[in-house]
Amino acid sequence: AHGHDAHQAGKSGWMILLGDAMHNFTDGILIAAAFLANPELGIVTALAIVAHEIPQEIGDFIVLLNAGFSRLRAYVFNLLCSLMAVAGGLLGYFTLDQASGLIPYVLVFASSGFIYIAVSDLMPQMQRRATVRESVPQVALIALGVAIVVMLNHAY
């Protein structure tokens, strides 16, 4: 578009890749910690991370395209950043296996990050919704999430 600064847009693409790589690396550590704590917890954690990663990676891909990356280049770099989860998982598995006393702290640190995101970002967005019709599905999904956690807690 007219006035578009391709150089600045390209920088945003590289920042997205760096942030995504770090994010995926920590996701890998979290998955490893969850599996070491309990295999069922590991499976649930991995599924939850996959569920939030799919839309995030699609968004990152679009940002990379807007930053001037070709489709192939955006896909390859996005894939490489996604593989950082494997690196984090391997490092986390072997490190936390030797220092198993750290597993509860890693899990608390990770879960507190998710709670922070929900409280600081998602809930204020819900409060800005004007109608009950827009808010009811969000509140229902939060209640469903809480119910799942309670059911899983009682099952194990």
Protein backbone atom coordinates (compact mmCIF):
# COMPACT_ATOMS: atom_id res chain seq x y z
CA ALA A 1 0.00 0.00 0.00
CA HIS A 2 1.04 3.59 -0.46
CA GLY A 3 3.26 4.72 2.40
CA HIS A 4 4.01 1.14 3.44
CA ASP A 5 7.51 0.84 4.89
CA ALA A 6 8.68 -2.65 3.83
CA HIS A 7 11.85 -2.34 5.91
CA GLN A 8 9.90 -1.69 9.13
CA ALA A 9 7.39 -4.41 8.30
CA GLY A 10 10.22 -6.88 7.80
CA LYS A 11 11.54 -6.09 11.27
CA SER A 12 8.15 -6.95 12.77
CA GLY A 13 8.30 -10.33 11.07
CA TRP A 14 11.64 -11.14 12.68
CA MET A 15 10.36 -9.98 16.08
CA ILE A 16 7.35 -12.28 15.72
CA LEU A 17 9.66 -15.19 14.90
CA LEU A 18 11.92 -14.53 17.88
CA GLY A 19 9.01 -14.20 20.29
CA ASP A 20 7.30 -17.28 18.85
CA ALA A 21 10.49 -19.35 19.13
CA MET A 22 10.90 -18.40 22.80
CA HIS A 23 7.22 -19.06 23.46
CA ASN A 24 7.36 -22.49 21.82
CA PHE A 25 10.55 -23.37 23.69
CA THR A 26 8.86 -22.69 27.03
CA ASP A 27 5.78 -24.63 25.90
CA GLY A 28 8.08 -27.60 25.32
CA ILE A 29 9.52 -27.30 28.82
CA LEU A 30 5.99 -27.13 30.24
CA ILE A 31 4.90 -30.25 28.35
CA ALA A 32 7.97 -32.13 29.62
CA ALA A 33 7.31 -31.05 33.20
CA ALA A 34 3.68 -32.10 32.94
CA PHE A 35 4.60 -35.54 31.57
CA LEU A 36 7.19 -36.03 34.31
CA ALA A 37 4.61 -35.09 36.96
CA ASN A 38 1.90 -37.36 35.56
CA PRO A 39 1.46 -38.86 32.06
CA GLU A 40 -2.25 -37.98 31.99
CA LEU A 41 -1.43 -34.39 32.93
CA GLY A 42 1.15 -34.39 30.14
CA ILE A 43 -1.43 -35.46 27.58
CA VAL A 44 -3.96 -32.86 28.70
CA THR A 45 -1.26 -30.18 28.75
CA ALA A 46 -0.01 -31.09 25.28
CA LEU A 47 -3.56 -31.01 23.89
CA ALA A 48 -4.23 -27.63 25.51
CA ILE A 49 -1.02 -26.22 24.06
CA VAL A 50 -1.83 -27.57 20.60
CA ALA A 51 -5.30 -25.99 20.85
CA HIS A 52 -3.83 -22.56 21.55
CA GLU A 53 -0.89 -22.92 19.15
CA ILE A 54 -2.92 -23.60 16.00
CA PRO A 55 -4.64 -20.19 15.85
CA GLN A 56 -1.49 -18.46 17.07
CA GLU A 57 0.65 -20.01 14.32
CA ILE A 58 -1.94 -19.07 11.70
CA GLY A 59 -1.83 -15.50 12.99
CA ASP A 60 1.96 -15.51 12.95
CA PHE A 61 1.92 -16.78 9.36
CA ILE A 62 -0.34 -13.89 8.34
CA VAL A 63 1.91 -11.38 10.12
CA LEU A 64 4.92 -12.83 8.30
CA LEU A 65 3.15 -12.50 4.95
CA ASN A 66 2.29 -8.88 5.76
CA ALA A 67 5.91 -8.32 6.75
CA GLY A 68 7.01 -9.22 3.23
CA PHE A 69 7.88 -12.90 3.64
CA SER A 70 6.95 -15.18 0.73
CA ARG A 71 4.49 -17.96 1.57
CA LEU A 72 7.22 -20.60 1.46
CA ARG A 73 9.62 -18.54 3.56
CA ALA A 74 6.91 -17.73 6.13
CA TYR A 75 5.96 -21.41 6.33
CA VAL A 76 9.56 -22.62 6.74
CA PHE A 77 10.45 -20.04 9.39
CA ASN A 78 7.18 -20.67 11.24
CA LEU A 79 7.90 -24.41 11.15
CA LEU A 80 11.43 -23.87 12.49
CA CYS A 81 10.06 -21.77 15.34
CA SER A 82 7.49 -24.48 16.09
CA LEU A 83 10.29 -27.05 16.38
CA MET A 84 11.65 -25.04 19.29
CA ALA A 85 8.92 -26.78 21.34
CA VAL A 86 10.70 -30.07 20.67
CA ALA A 87 14.02 -28.55 21.78
CA GLY A 88 12.39 -27.17 24.94
CA GLY A 89 10.71 -30.50 25.59
CA LEU A 90 13.97 -32.41 25.31
CA LEU A 91 15.87 -29.95 27.46
CA GLY A 92 13.05 -29.86 30.00
CA TYR A 93 12.74 -33.64 30.12
CA PHE A 94 16.42 -34.30 30.74
CA THR A 95 16.92 -31.33 33.08
CA LEU A 96 13.78 -31.85 35.15
CA ASP A 97 14.33 -35.61 35.26
CA GLN A 98 17.57 -34.89 37.13
CA ALA A 99 16.00 -32.14 39.25
CA SER A 100 12.52 -33.55 39.86
CA GLY A 101 12.01 -31.23 42.83
CA LEU A 102 11.67 -28.32 40.37
CA ILE A 103 8.69 -29.83 38.51
CA PRO A 104 5.99 -28.34 40.80
CA TYR A 105 7.60 -24.89 40.49
CA VAL A 106 7.75 -25.11 36.70
CA LEU A 107 4.08 -26.11 36.59
CA VAL A 108 3.05 -23.30 38.97
CA PHE A 109 5.09 -20.75 37.00
CA ALA A 110 3.50 -21.84 33.72
CA SER A 111 -0.04 -21.96 35.05
CA SER A 112 0.35 -18.56 36.67
CA GLY A 113 1.37 -17.19 33.27
CA PHE A 114 -1.85 -18.52 31.75
CA ILE A 115 -3.90 -17.06 34.58
CA TYR A 116 -2.15 -13.71 34.14
CA ILE A 117 -2.98 -13.68 30.43
CA ALA A 118 -6.61 -14.51 31.14
CA VAL A 119 -7.01 -11.89 33.85
CA SER A 120 -5.02 -9.08 32.24
CA ASP A 121 -6.03 -9.51 28.60
CA LEU A 122 -9.03 -11.72 28.00
CA MET A 123 -11.32 -10.67 30.86
CA PRO A 124 -11.01 -6.91 30.17
CA GLN A 125 -11.94 -7.63 26.54
CA MET A 126 -15.04 -9.46 27.74
CA GLN A 127 -16.03 -6.52 29.94
CA ARG A 128 -16.01 -4.24 26.89
CA ARG A 129 -18.65 -6.32 25.15
CA ALA A 130 -21.82 -4.30 24.89
CA THR A 131 -24.55 -6.92 24.88
CA VAL A 132 -25.48 -9.94 26.95
CA ARG A 133 -25.74 -11.93 23.71
CA GLU A 134 -22.02 -11.40 23.06
CA SER A 135 -20.98 -12.10 26.67
CA VAL A 136 -22.99 -15.27 27.39
CA PRO A 137 -20.94 -17.59 25.12
CA GLN A 138 -17.69 -16.34 26.67
CA VAL A 139 -18.92 -16.89 30.22
CA ALA A 140 -20.25 -20.33 29.23
CA LEU A 141 -16.85 -21.32 27.83
CA ILE A 142 -15.11 -20.15 31.00
CA ALA A 143 -17.57 -22.19 33.08
CA LEU A 144 -16.94 -25.21 30.84
CA GLY A 145 -13.19 -24.83 31.37
CA VAL A 146 -13.60 -24.63 35.13
CA ALA A 147 -15.92 -27.66 35.07
CA ILE A 148 -13.37 -29.69 33.11
CA VAL A 149 -10.62 -28.82 35.59
CA VAL A 150 -12.86 -29.77 38.53
CA MET A 151 -13.87 -33.07 36.88
CA LEU A 152 -10.27 -33.96 36.08
CA ASN A 153 -9.25 -33.09 39.63
CA HIS A 154 -11.87 -35.41 41.09
CA ALA A 155 -11.08 -38.19 38.58
CA TYR A 156 -7.44 -38.34 39.67
